[in-house]
Amino acid sequence: MSVAYFLQQLLNGLSLGGAYALIAIGYTMVYGILRMINFAHGDVFMMSAYFAIYAVAVMPWYVALPVVVISTIILGVVIERVAYKPLRAAPRMSVMISAIGVAYLLENLANYLFTAMPKSYPQIDILKRVYSFADGAVTVSRVTLLAPILTIILAVALVQLINHTKLGMAMRACAKDQDTARIMGIQVDTIVTMTFIIGCGLAAIGSILYFTDRSTVQPYSGSLPGLKCFVAAVLGGIGSIPGAVIGGFIVGICQIAITAAGYSVFSDAFTFVLLIIILLARPSGLLGEKATDKV
């Protein structure tokens, strides 16, 4: 294997891992506060891609991309208010079933509105510009270089927000004990909504980074990536934002490495084998904290 080929695949893995990491952060934030797995998150990511297709078709890309992010956030907030908020006091299983129902609803809604035929993702020239290195042996698009850098910047900014702002303090309080947070005057419903706003905003950015290199979208495009991002969140330690980022990069790099080695048929299966291994070896994930349930 040449150095150029290794570098090419490493960059591809980091790019894919960056997109996975942004989506995994949404899983880990919602779990951190609500102790629920938002299985509809991957389908919100898919709907964001459809928003981009139609937004870029009718307005300049620099207007369309913010519109895509805002539209995805609105969709996430509506889902939280309609499907999750009424079940806040219900058993966790009820909320999980609701999340699965929302996932199927979004897939079938996309199937009805946009048909099952794959649609071409818009080619945004500023993201698709190609760079060549090592006398043309390594060629990468701008989005490939941008994805890991942007992911790290956003993750660092989010960690700073959580650790050094009043909003972040309120999020940490809600994650520890919502009843006590309410007694202290924290508006828990507002904090939950803010969590969905941040998570869905990052999913929209991840969707742009992911689909720019993959060109087509169909109603089930979010299912498998969504599960892989859930694996990334568990691998890093669900509830940990740095863990979600590390897990996303690990899953992305491993997937590209297996594909590059000629075993692409096993790349998806390996992700779930990795999930089984991490649950057996370290259930709390790489950076997760061991929790004990009081009885």
C-alpha atoms as a PDB file:
ATOM      1  CA  MET A   1       0.000   0.000   0.000  1.00  0.00           C
ATOM      2  CA  SER A   2       1.454   3.355  -1.038  1.00  0.00           C
ATOM      3  CA  VAL A   3       1.644   6.316   1.305  1.00  0.00           C
ATOM      4  CA  ALA A   4      -0.551   8.344  -1.080  1.00  0.00           C
ATOM      5  CA  TYR A   5      -3.269   5.672  -1.071  1.00  0.00           C
ATOM      6  CA  PHE A   6      -3.142   5.445   2.733  1.00  0.00           C
ATOM      7  CA  LEU A   7      -3.438   9.226   3.045  1.00  0.00           C
ATOM      8  CA  GLN A   8      -6.347   9.274   0.571  1.00  0.00           C
ATOM      9  CA  GLN A   9      -8.302   6.685   2.556  1.00  0.00           C
ATOM     10  CA  LEU A  10      -7.443   8.308   5.889  1.00  0.00           C
ATOM     11  CA  LEU A  11      -8.857  11.635   4.694  1.00  0.00           C
ATOM     12  CA  ASN A  12     -11.998   9.876   3.432  1.00  0.00           C
ATOM     13  CA  GLY A  13     -12.373   8.141   6.795  1.00  0.00           C
ATOM     14  CA  LEU A  14     -11.935  11.370   8.743  1.00  0.00           C
ATOM     15  CA  SER A  15     -14.503  13.087   6.522  1.00  0.00           C
ATOM     16  CA  LEU A  16     -17.080  10.330   6.999  1.00  0.00           C
ATOM     17  CA  GLY A  17     -16.257  10.143  10.703  1.00  0.00           C
ATOM     18  CA  GLY A  18     -16.795  13.893  11.065  1.00  0.00           C
ATOM     19  CA  ALA A  19     -20.317  13.626   9.649  1.00  0.00           C
ATOM     20  CA  TYR A  20     -21.043  10.632  11.902  1.00  0.00           C
ATOM     21  CA  ALA A  21     -19.709  12.511  14.928  1.00  0.00           C
ATOM     22  CA  LEU A  22     -22.049  15.479  14.434  1.00  0.00           C
ATOM     23  CA  ILE A  23     -25.050  13.165  14.270  1.00  0.00           C
ATOM     24  CA  ALA A  24     -23.822  11.083  17.222  1.00  0.00           C
ATOM     25  CA  ILE A  25     -23.689  14.240  19.350  1.00  0.00           C
ATOM     26  CA  GLY A  26     -27.461  14.560  18.906  1.00  0.00           C
ATOM     27  CA  TYR A  27     -27.983  11.038  20.240  1.00  0.00           C
ATOM     28  CA  THR A  28     -25.661  11.575  23.185  1.00  0.00           C
ATOM     29  CA  MET A  29     -27.142  14.965  24.207  1.00  0.00           C
ATOM     30  CA  VAL A  30     -30.739  13.737  24.186  1.00  0.00           C
ATOM     31  CA  TYR A  31     -29.750  10.643  26.139  1.00  0.00           C
ATOM     32  CA  GLY A  32     -27.762  12.734  28.610  1.00  0.00           C
ATOM     33  CA  ILE A  33     -30.793  14.805  29.566  1.00  0.00           C
ATOM     34  CA  LEU A  34     -33.825  12.591  28.873  1.00  0.00           C
ATOM     35  CA  ARG A  35     -32.222   9.141  29.228  1.00  0.00           C
ATOM     36  CA  MET A  36     -33.859   8.128  25.950  1.00  0.00           C
ATOM     37  CA  ILE A  37     -32.513   7.029  22.576  1.00  0.00           C
ATOM     38  CA  ASN A  38     -34.014   9.224  19.869  1.00  0.00           C
ATOM     39  CA  PHE A  39     -34.247   6.593  17.137  1.00  0.00           C
ATOM     40  CA  ALA A  40     -35.859   9.185  14.837  1.00  0.00           C
ATOM     41  CA  HIS A  41     -32.621  11.213  14.747  1.00  0.00           C
ATOM     42  CA  GLY A  42     -31.291   9.414  11.669  1.00  0.00           C
ATOM     43  CA  ASP A  43     -34.497  10.164   9.793  1.00  0.00           C
ATOM     44  CA  VAL A  44     -34.336  13.832  10.787  1.00  0.00           C
ATOM     45  CA  PHE A  45     -30.879  13.742   9.171  1.00  0.00           C
ATOM     46  CA  MET A  46     -32.492  12.239   6.037  1.00  0.00           C
ATOM     47  CA  MET A  47     -35.243  14.874   5.919  1.00  0.00           C
ATOM     48  CA  SER A  48     -32.566  17.554   6.160  1.00  0.00           C
ATOM     49  CA  ALA A  49     -31.100  16.231   2.900  1.00  0.00           C
ATOM     50  CA  TYR A  50     -34.474  16.634   1.170  1.00  0.00           C
ATOM     51  CA  PHE A  51     -34.747  20.171   2.554  1.00  0.00           C
ATOM     52  CA  ALA A  52     -31.370  20.883   0.939  1.00  0.00           C
ATOM     53  CA  ILE A  53     -32.469  19.513  -2.439  1.00  0.00           C
ATOM     54  CA  TYR A  54     -35.430  21.867  -2.641  1.00  0.00           C
ATOM     55  CA  ALA A  55     -33.811  24.857  -0.934  1.00  0.00           C
ATOM     56  CA  VAL A  56     -30.769  24.913  -3.218  1.00  0.00           C
ATOM     57  CA  ALA A  57     -33.082  24.606  -6.238  1.00  0.00           C
ATOM     58  CA  VAL A  58     -34.821  27.908  -5.510  1.00  0.00           C
ATOM     59  CA  MET A  59     -32.231  30.090  -3.770  1.00  0.00           C
ATOM     60  CA  PRO A  60     -28.454  30.680  -3.661  1.00  0.00           C
ATOM     61  CA  TRP A  61     -26.473  28.132  -1.636  1.00  0.00           C
ATOM     62  CA  TYR A  62     -25.396  30.710   0.976  1.00  0.00           C
ATOM     63  CA  VAL A  63     -29.073  31.369   1.744  1.00  0.00           C
ATOM     64  CA  ALA A  64     -30.210  27.777   1.241  1.00  0.00           C
ATOM     65  CA  LEU A  65     -27.825  26.168   3.731  1.00  0.00           C
ATOM     66  CA  PRO A  66     -28.959  28.300   6.727  1.00  0.00           C
ATOM     67  CA  VAL A  67     -32.560  27.634   5.656  1.00  0.00           C
ATOM     68  CA  VAL A  68     -31.823  23.896   5.688  1.00  0.00           C
ATOM     69  CA  VAL A  69     -30.387  24.090   9.213  1.00  0.00           C
ATOM     70  CA  ILE A  70     -33.337  26.155  10.492  1.00  0.00           C
ATOM     71  CA  SER A  71     -35.890  23.844   8.817  1.00  0.00           C
ATOM     72  CA  THR A  72     -34.256  20.788  10.382  1.00  0.00           C
ATOM     73  CA  ILE A  73     -34.300  22.451  13.806  1.00  0.00           C
ATOM     74  CA  ILE A  74     -38.006  23.269  13.418  1.00  0.00           C
ATOM     75  CA  LEU A  75     -38.736  19.653  12.472  1.00  0.00           C
ATOM     76  CA  GLY A  76     -36.822  18.408  15.533  1.00  0.00           C
ATOM     77  CA  VAL A  77     -38.611  20.795  17.895  1.00  0.00           C
ATOM     78  CA  VAL A  78     -42.030  19.818  16.493  1.00  0.00           C
ATOM     79  CA  ILE A  79     -41.198  16.128  16.990  1.00  0.00           C
ATOM     80  CA  GLU A  80     -40.120  16.799  20.574  1.00  0.00           C
ATOM     81  CA  ARG A  81     -43.255  18.800  21.386  1.00  0.00           C
ATOM     82  CA  VAL A  82     -45.711  16.400  19.733  1.00  0.00           C
ATOM     83  CA  ALA A  83     -44.213  12.946  20.292  1.00  0.00           C
ATOM     84  CA  TYR A  84     -41.926  13.192  23.339  1.00  0.00           C
ATOM     85  CA  LYS A  85     -43.084  15.996  25.632  1.00  0.00           C
ATOM     86  CA  PRO A  86     -46.520  14.423  26.410  1.00  0.00           C
ATOM     87  CA  LEU A  87     -44.656  11.261  27.488  1.00  0.00           C
ATOM     88  CA  ARG A  88     -42.195  12.997  29.802  1.00  0.00           C
ATOM     89  CA  ALA A  89     -43.598  11.235  32.889  1.00  0.00           C
ATOM     90  CA  ALA A  90     -44.249   7.933  31.104  1.00  0.00           C
ATOM     91  CA  PRO A  91     -41.982   4.864  31.367  1.00  0.00           C
ATOM     92  CA  ARG A  92     -38.857   5.024  29.209  1.00  0.00           C
ATOM     93  CA  MET A  93     -40.126   2.171  27.052  1.00  0.00           C
ATOM     94  CA  SER A  94     -43.129   4.284  26.012  1.00  0.00           C
ATOM     95  CA  VAL A  95     -40.877   7.116  24.857  1.00  0.00           C
ATOM     96  CA  MET A  96     -38.620   4.685  22.985  1.00  0.00           C
ATOM     97  CA  ILE A  97     -41.619   3.185  21.176  1.00  0.00           C
ATOM     98  CA  SER A  98     -42.752   6.706  20.312  1.00  0.00           C
ATOM     99  CA  ALA A  99     -39.289   7.460  18.864  1.00  0.00           C
ATOM    100  CA  ILE A 100     -39.415   4.326  16.704  1.00  0.00           C
ATOM    101  CA  GLY A 101     -42.897   5.329  15.536  1.00  0.00           C
ATOM    102  CA  VAL A 102     -41.661   8.809  14.580  1.00  0.00           C
ATOM    103  CA  ALA A 103     -38.793   7.224  12.618  1.00  0.00           C
ATOM    104  CA  TYR A 104     -41.197   5.108  10.546  1.00  0.00           C
ATOM    105  CA  LEU A 105     -43.525   8.087  10.147  1.00  0.00           C
ATOM    106  CA  LEU A 106     -40.737  10.234   8.697  1.00  0.00           C
ATOM    107  CA  GLU A 107     -39.610   7.468   6.337  1.00  0.00           C
ATOM    108  CA  ASN A 108     -43.126   6.894   5.018  1.00  0.00           C
ATOM    109  CA  LEU A 109     -43.826  10.622   4.842  1.00  0.00           C
ATOM    110  CA  ALA A 110     -40.670  11.081   2.748  1.00  0.00           C
ATOM    111  CA  ASN A 111     -41.740   8.148   0.590  1.00  0.00           C
ATOM    112  CA  TYR A 112     -45.132   9.784   0.013  1.00  0.00           C
ATOM    113  CA  LEU A 113     -43.885  13.337  -0.539  1.00  0.00           C
ATOM    114  CA  PHE A 114     -40.683  12.673  -2.504  1.00  0.00           C
ATOM    115  CA  THR A 115     -41.299   9.122  -3.894  1.00  0.00           C
ATOM    116  CA  ALA A 116     -38.961   6.176  -3.364  1.00  0.00           C
ATOM    117  CA  MET A 117     -36.811   7.074  -6.366  1.00  0.00           C
ATOM    118  CA  PRO A 118     -33.348   8.379  -5.384  1.00  0.00           C
ATOM    119  CA  LYS A 119     -32.992  12.129  -5.878  1.00  0.00           C
ATOM    120  CA  SER A 120     -29.746  13.880  -6.737  1.00  0.00           C
ATOM    121  CA  TYR A 121     -28.235  15.887  -3.901  1.00  0.00           C
ATOM    122  CA  PRO A 122     -27.340  19.425  -5.078  1.00  0.00           C
ATOM    123  CA  GLN A 123     -23.771  20.026  -6.187  1.00  0.00           C
ATOM    124  CA  ILE A 124     -22.530  22.982  -4.155  1.00  0.00           C
ATOM    125  CA  ASP A 125     -19.448  24.177  -6.006  1.00  0.00           C
ATOM    126  CA  ILE A 126     -17.761  25.724  -2.973  1.00  0.00           C
ATOM    127  CA  LEU A 127     -17.844  22.316  -1.224  1.00  0.00           C
ATOM    128  CA  LYS A 128     -17.042  20.169  -4.259  1.00  0.00           C
ATOM    129  CA  ARG A 129     -13.872  21.980  -5.320  1.00  0.00           C
ATOM    130  CA  VAL A 130     -11.110  19.372  -5.705  1.00  0.00           C
ATOM    131  CA  TYR A 131      -7.544  19.683  -4.427  1.00  0.00           C
ATOM    132  CA  SER A 132      -4.618  17.547  -5.556  1.00  0.00           C
ATOM    133  CA  PHE A 133      -1.541  16.646  -3.531  1.00  0.00           C
ATOM    134  CA  ALA A 134       1.592  14.557  -4.140  1.00  0.00           C
ATOM    135  CA  ASP A 135       1.610  15.212  -7.887  1.00  0.00           C
ATOM    136  CA  GLY A 136      -2.025  14.223  -8.236  1.00  0.00           C
ATOM    137  CA  ALA A 137      -1.712  10.954  -6.287  1.00  0.00           C
ATOM    138  CA  VAL A 138      -4.088  12.291  -3.621  1.00  0.00           C
ATOM    139  CA  THR A 139      -7.248  14.127  -4.674  1.00  0.00           C
ATOM    140  CA  VAL A 140      -9.800  15.348  -2.157  1.00  0.00           C
ATOM    141  CA  SER A 141     -12.792  17.643  -2.292  1.00  0.00           C
ATOM    142  CA  ARG A 142     -13.056  20.670  -0.059  1.00  0.00           C
ATOM    143  CA  VAL A 143     -15.859  19.045   1.950  1.00  0.00           C
ATOM    144  CA  THR A 144     -13.548  16.104   2.730  1.00  0.00           C
ATOM    145  CA  LEU A 145     -11.023  18.479   4.269  1.00  0.00           C
ATOM    146  CA  LEU A 146     -13.677  20.655   5.904  1.00  0.00           C
ATOM    147  CA  ALA A 147     -15.670  17.876   7.646  1.00  0.00           C
ATOM    148  CA  PRO A 148     -13.190  16.823  10.386  1.00  0.00           C
ATOM    149  CA  ILE A 149     -12.047  20.409  11.024  1.00  0.00           C
ATOM    150  CA  LEU A 150     -15.601  21.738  11.303  1.00  0.00           C
ATOM    151  CA  THR A 151     -16.600  18.799  13.511  1.00  0.00           C
ATOM    152  CA  ILE A 152     -13.802  19.461  15.988  1.00  0.00           C
ATOM    153  CA  ILE A 153     -14.528  23.222  16.055  1.00  0.00           C
ATOM    154  CA  LEU A 154     -18.251  22.646  16.696  1.00  0.00           C
ATOM    155  CA  ALA A 155     -17.568  19.990  19.337  1.00  0.00           C
ATOM    156  CA  VAL A 156     -15.118  22.240  21.197  1.00  0.00           C
ATOM    157  CA  ALA A 157     -17.593  25.139  21.029  1.00  0.00           C
ATOM    158  CA  LEU A 158     -20.364  22.906  22.374  1.00  0.00           C
ATOM    159  CA  VAL A 159     -18.216  21.642  25.243  1.00  0.00           C
ATOM    160  CA  GLN A 160     -17.368  25.248  26.123  1.00  0.00           C
ATOM    161  CA  LEU A 161     -21.058  26.158  26.052  1.00  0.00           C
ATOM    162  CA  ILE A 162     -21.965  23.290  28.367  1.00  0.00           C
ATOM    163  CA  ASN A 163     -19.119  23.906  30.805  1.00  0.00           C
ATOM    164  CA  HIS A 164     -18.999  27.706  30.917  1.00  0.00           C
ATOM    165  CA  THR A 165     -22.483  29.155  30.320  1.00  0.00           C
ATOM    166  CA  LYS A 166     -25.725  29.336  32.289  1.00  0.00           C
ATOM    167  CA  LEU A 167     -27.466  27.301  29.592  1.00  0.00           C
ATOM    168  CA  GLY A 168     -24.810  24.625  29.901  1.00  0.00           C
ATOM    169  CA  MET A 169     -25.088  24.647  33.690  1.00  0.00           C
ATOM    170  CA  ALA A 170     -28.849  24.180  33.384  1.00  0.00           C
ATOM    171  CA  MET A 171     -28.304  21.293  30.937  1.00  0.00           C
ATOM    172  CA  ARG A 172     -25.920  19.601  33.351  1.00  0.00           C
ATOM    173  CA  ALA A 173     -28.378  20.092  36.202  1.00  0.00           C
ATOM    174  CA  CYS A 174     -31.214  18.547  34.169  1.00  0.00           C
ATOM    175  CA  ALA A 175     -28.968  15.649  33.214  1.00  0.00           C
ATOM    176  CA  LYS A 176     -28.295  14.959  36.907  1.00  0.00           C
ATOM    177  CA  ASP A 177     -31.811  15.342  38.335  1.00  0.00           C
ATOM    178  CA  GLN A 178     -34.733  17.010  36.581  1.00  0.00           C
ATOM    179  CA  ASP A 179     -36.922  17.225  39.676  1.00  0.00           C
ATOM    180  CA  THR A 180     -34.231  19.043  41.651  1.00  0.00           C
ATOM    181  CA  ALA A 181     -33.563  21.280  38.638  1.00  0.00           C
ATOM    182  CA  ARG A 182     -37.235  22.300  38.611  1.00  0.00           C
ATOM    183  CA  ILE A 183     -37.119  23.097  42.332  1.00  0.00           C
ATOM    184  CA  MET A 184     -34.103  25.349  41.659  1.00  0.00           C
ATOM    185  CA  GLY A 185     -36.145  27.301  39.096  1.00  0.00           C
ATOM    186  CA  ILE A 186     -34.762  25.776  35.890  1.00  0.00           C
ATOM    187  CA  GLN A 187     -37.281  25.523  33.045  1.00  0.00           C
ATOM    188  CA  VAL A 188     -36.694  21.889  32.188  1.00  0.00           C
ATOM    189  CA  ASP A 189     -38.958  21.919  29.111  1.00  0.00           C
ATOM    190  CA  THR A 190     -37.008  24.859  27.701  1.00  0.00           C
ATOM    191  CA  ILE A 191     -33.707  23.072  28.312  1.00  0.00           C
ATOM    192  CA  VAL A 192     -34.993  19.946  26.561  1.00  0.00           C
ATOM    193  CA  THR A 193     -36.090  22.053  23.606  1.00  0.00           C
ATOM    194  CA  MET A 194     -32.656  23.693  23.458  1.00  0.00           C
ATOM    195  CA  THR A 195     -31.080  20.253  23.466  1.00  0.00           C
ATOM    196  CA  PHE A 196     -33.137  19.258  20.432  1.00  0.00           C
ATOM    197  CA  ILE A 197     -32.295  22.558  18.724  1.00  0.00           C
ATOM    198  CA  ILE A 198     -28.560  21.940  19.133  1.00  0.00           C
ATOM    199  CA  GLY A 199     -28.776  18.261  18.199  1.00  0.00           C
ATOM    200  CA  CYS A 200     -30.894  18.832  15.087  1.00  0.00           C
ATOM    201  CA  GLY A 201     -28.749  21.794  14.002  1.00  0.00           C
ATOM    202  CA  LEU A 202     -25.649  19.588  14.149  1.00  0.00           C
ATOM    203  CA  ALA A 203     -27.518  16.795  12.319  1.00  0.00           C
ATOM    204  CA  ALA A 204     -28.329  19.255   9.522  1.00  0.00           C
ATOM    205  CA  ILE A 205     -24.664  20.224   9.198  1.00  0.00           C
ATOM    206  CA  GLY A 206     -23.708  16.546   9.289  1.00  0.00           C
ATOM    207  CA  SER A 207     -26.267  15.853   6.560  1.00  0.00           C
ATOM    208  CA  ILE A 208     -24.716  18.498   4.300  1.00  0.00           C
ATOM    209  CA  LEU A 209     -21.228  17.071   4.852  1.00  0.00           C
ATOM    210  CA  TYR A 210     -22.393  13.475   4.366  1.00  0.00           C
ATOM    211  CA  PHE A 211     -24.579  13.791   1.271  1.00  0.00           C
ATOM    212  CA  THR A 212     -22.328  16.227  -0.588  1.00  0.00           C
ATOM    213  CA  ASP A 213     -19.947  13.306  -1.183  1.00  0.00           C
ATOM    214  CA  ARG A 214     -22.694  10.730  -1.789  1.00  0.00           C
ATOM    215  CA  SER A 215     -24.840  12.520  -4.379  1.00  0.00           C
ATOM    216  CA  THR A 216     -28.205  10.762  -3.922  1.00  0.00           C
ATOM    217  CA  VAL A 217     -30.945  10.687  -1.277  1.00  0.00           C
ATOM    218  CA  GLN A 218     -33.874   8.334  -0.798  1.00  0.00           C
ATOM    219  CA  PRO A 219     -36.397   7.913   2.057  1.00  0.00           C
ATOM    220  CA  TYR A 220     -34.333   5.266   3.865  1.00  0.00           C
ATOM    221  CA  SER A 221     -30.998   7.061   3.558  1.00  0.00           C
ATOM    222  CA  GLY A 222     -31.044   7.931   7.258  1.00  0.00           C
ATOM    223  CA  SER A 223     -31.706   4.478   8.714  1.00  0.00           C
ATOM    224  CA  LEU A 224     -28.288   2.845   8.464  1.00  0.00           C
ATOM    225  CA  PRO A 225     -26.213   6.012   9.041  1.00  0.00           C
ATOM    226  CA  GLY A 226     -28.448   6.748  12.032  1.00  0.00           C
ATOM    227  CA  LEU A 227     -27.729   3.332  13.541  1.00  0.00           C
ATOM    228  CA  LYS A 228     -24.002   3.740  12.869  1.00  0.00           C
ATOM    229  CA  CYS A 229     -24.049   7.099  14.649  1.00  0.00           C
ATOM    230  CA  PHE A 230     -25.832   5.473  17.581  1.00  0.00           C
ATOM    231  CA  VAL A 231     -23.021   2.895  17.649  1.00  0.00           C
ATOM    232  CA  ALA A 232     -20.507   5.766  17.577  1.00  0.00           C
ATOM    233  CA  ALA A 233     -22.245   7.392  20.567  1.00  0.00           C
ATOM    234  CA  VAL A 234     -22.227   4.114  22.524  1.00  0.00           C
ATOM    235  CA  LEU A 235     -18.613   3.431  21.561  1.00  0.00           C
ATOM    236  CA  GLY A 236     -17.455   6.826  22.814  1.00  0.00           C
ATOM    237  CA  GLY A 237     -19.630   6.678  25.922  1.00  0.00           C
ATOM    238  CA  ILE A 238     -23.216   7.786  25.456  1.00  0.00           C
ATOM    239  CA  GLY A 239     -23.734  11.047  27.310  1.00  0.00           C
ATOM    240  CA  SER A 240     -20.190  12.244  26.510  1.00  0.00           C
ATOM    241  CA  ILE A 241     -19.761  14.771  23.703  1.00  0.00           C
ATOM    242  CA  PRO A 242     -15.995  14.156  23.258  1.00  0.00           C
ATOM    243  CA  GLY A 243     -16.797  10.443  23.319  1.00  0.00           C
ATOM    244  CA  ALA A 244     -19.354  10.862  20.515  1.00  0.00           C
ATOM    245  CA  VAL A 245     -16.749  12.677  18.410  1.00  0.00           C
ATOM    246  CA  ILE A 246     -14.110  10.005  19.004  1.00  0.00           C
ATOM    247  CA  GLY A 247     -16.635   7.250  18.342  1.00  0.00           C
ATOM    248  CA  GLY A 248     -17.735   8.917  15.097  1.00  0.00           C
ATOM    249  CA  PHE A 249     -14.171   9.139  13.823  1.00  0.00           C
ATOM    250  CA  ILE A 250     -13.445   5.521  14.794  1.00  0.00           C
ATOM    251  CA  VAL A 251     -16.546   4.205  13.012  1.00  0.00           C
ATOM    252  CA  GLY A 252     -15.884   6.338   9.917  1.00  0.00           C
ATOM    253  CA  ILE A 253     -12.211   5.374   9.626  1.00  0.00           C
ATOM    254  CA  CYS A 254     -12.928   1.671  10.203  1.00  0.00           C
ATOM    255  CA  GLN A 255     -15.691   1.670   7.578  1.00  0.00           C
ATOM    256  CA  ILE A 256     -13.441   3.266   4.947  1.00  0.00           C
ATOM    257  CA  ALA A 257     -10.518   0.990   5.892  1.00  0.00           C
ATOM    258  CA  ILE A 258     -12.606  -2.174   5.451  1.00  0.00           C
ATOM    259  CA  THR A 259     -13.974  -0.889   2.139  1.00  0.00           C
ATOM    260  CA  ALA A 260     -10.480   0.022   0.906  1.00  0.00           C
ATOM    261  CA  ALA A 261      -9.237  -3.449   1.840  1.00  0.00           C
ATOM    262  CA  GLY A 262     -11.795  -4.964  -0.561  1.00  0.00           C
ATOM    263  CA  TYR A 263     -14.289  -6.150   2.046  1.00  0.00           C
ATOM    264  CA  SER A 264     -16.973  -3.523   1.513  1.00  0.00           C
ATOM    265  CA  VAL A 265     -19.688  -6.161   1.907  1.00  0.00           C
ATOM    266  CA  PHE A 266     -18.657  -6.471   5.572  1.00  0.00           C
ATOM    267  CA  SER A 267     -18.271  -2.748   6.339  1.00  0.00           C
ATOM    268  CA  ASP A 268     -21.787  -2.334   7.737  1.00  0.00           C
ATOM    269  CA  ALA A 269     -21.681  -5.603   9.663  1.00  0.00           C
ATOM    270  CA  PHE A 270     -18.376  -4.609  11.265  1.00  0.00           C
ATOM    271  CA  THR A 271     -20.006  -1.538  12.815  1.00  0.00           C
ATOM    272  CA  PHE A 272     -22.451  -3.707  14.740  1.00  0.00           C
ATOM    273  CA  VAL A 273     -19.780  -6.246  15.649  1.00  0.00           C
ATOM    274  CA  LEU A 274     -17.921  -3.272  17.122  1.00  0.00           C
ATOM    275  CA  LEU A 275     -21.049  -2.406  19.132  1.00  0.00           C
ATOM    276  CA  ILE A 276     -21.221  -5.929  20.570  1.00  0.00           C
ATOM    277  CA  ILE A 277     -17.519  -5.882  21.449  1.00  0.00           C
ATOM    278  CA  ILE A 278     -17.700  -2.520  23.230  1.00  0.00           C
ATOM    279  CA  LEU A 279     -20.816  -3.566  25.182  1.00  0.00           C
ATOM    280  CA  LEU A 280     -19.080  -6.745  26.306  1.00  0.00           C
ATOM    281  CA  ALA A 281     -15.705  -5.164  27.101  1.00  0.00           C
ATOM    282  CA  ARG A 282     -16.699  -1.714  28.349  1.00  0.00           C
ATOM    283  CA  PRO A 283     -20.475  -1.108  28.539  1.00  0.00           C
ATOM    284  CA  SER A 284     -19.986   2.542  29.539  1.00  0.00           C
ATOM    285  CA  GLY A 285     -17.942   3.274  26.385  1.00  0.00           C
ATOM    286  CA  LEU A 286     -14.494   4.773  26.017  1.00  0.00           C
ATOM    287  CA  LEU A 287     -15.219   8.020  27.869  1.00  0.00           C
ATOM    288  CA  GLY A 288     -18.505   7.174  29.560  1.00  0.00           C
ATOM    289  CA  GLU A 289     -18.936   7.204  33.313  1.00  0.00           C
ATOM    290  CA  LYS A 290     -20.013   4.062  35.093  1.00  0.00           C
ATOM    291  CA  ALA A 291     -23.446   4.611  36.582  1.00  0.00           C
ATOM    292  CA  THR A 292     -25.093   2.757  39.430  1.00  0.00           C
ATOM    293  CA  ASP A 293     -28.837   2.576  39.882  1.00  0.00           C
ATOM    294  CA  LYS A 294     -30.116   3.254  43.396  1.00  0.00           C
ATOM    295  CA  VAL A 295     -32.676   0.839  44.777  1.00  0.00           C
END
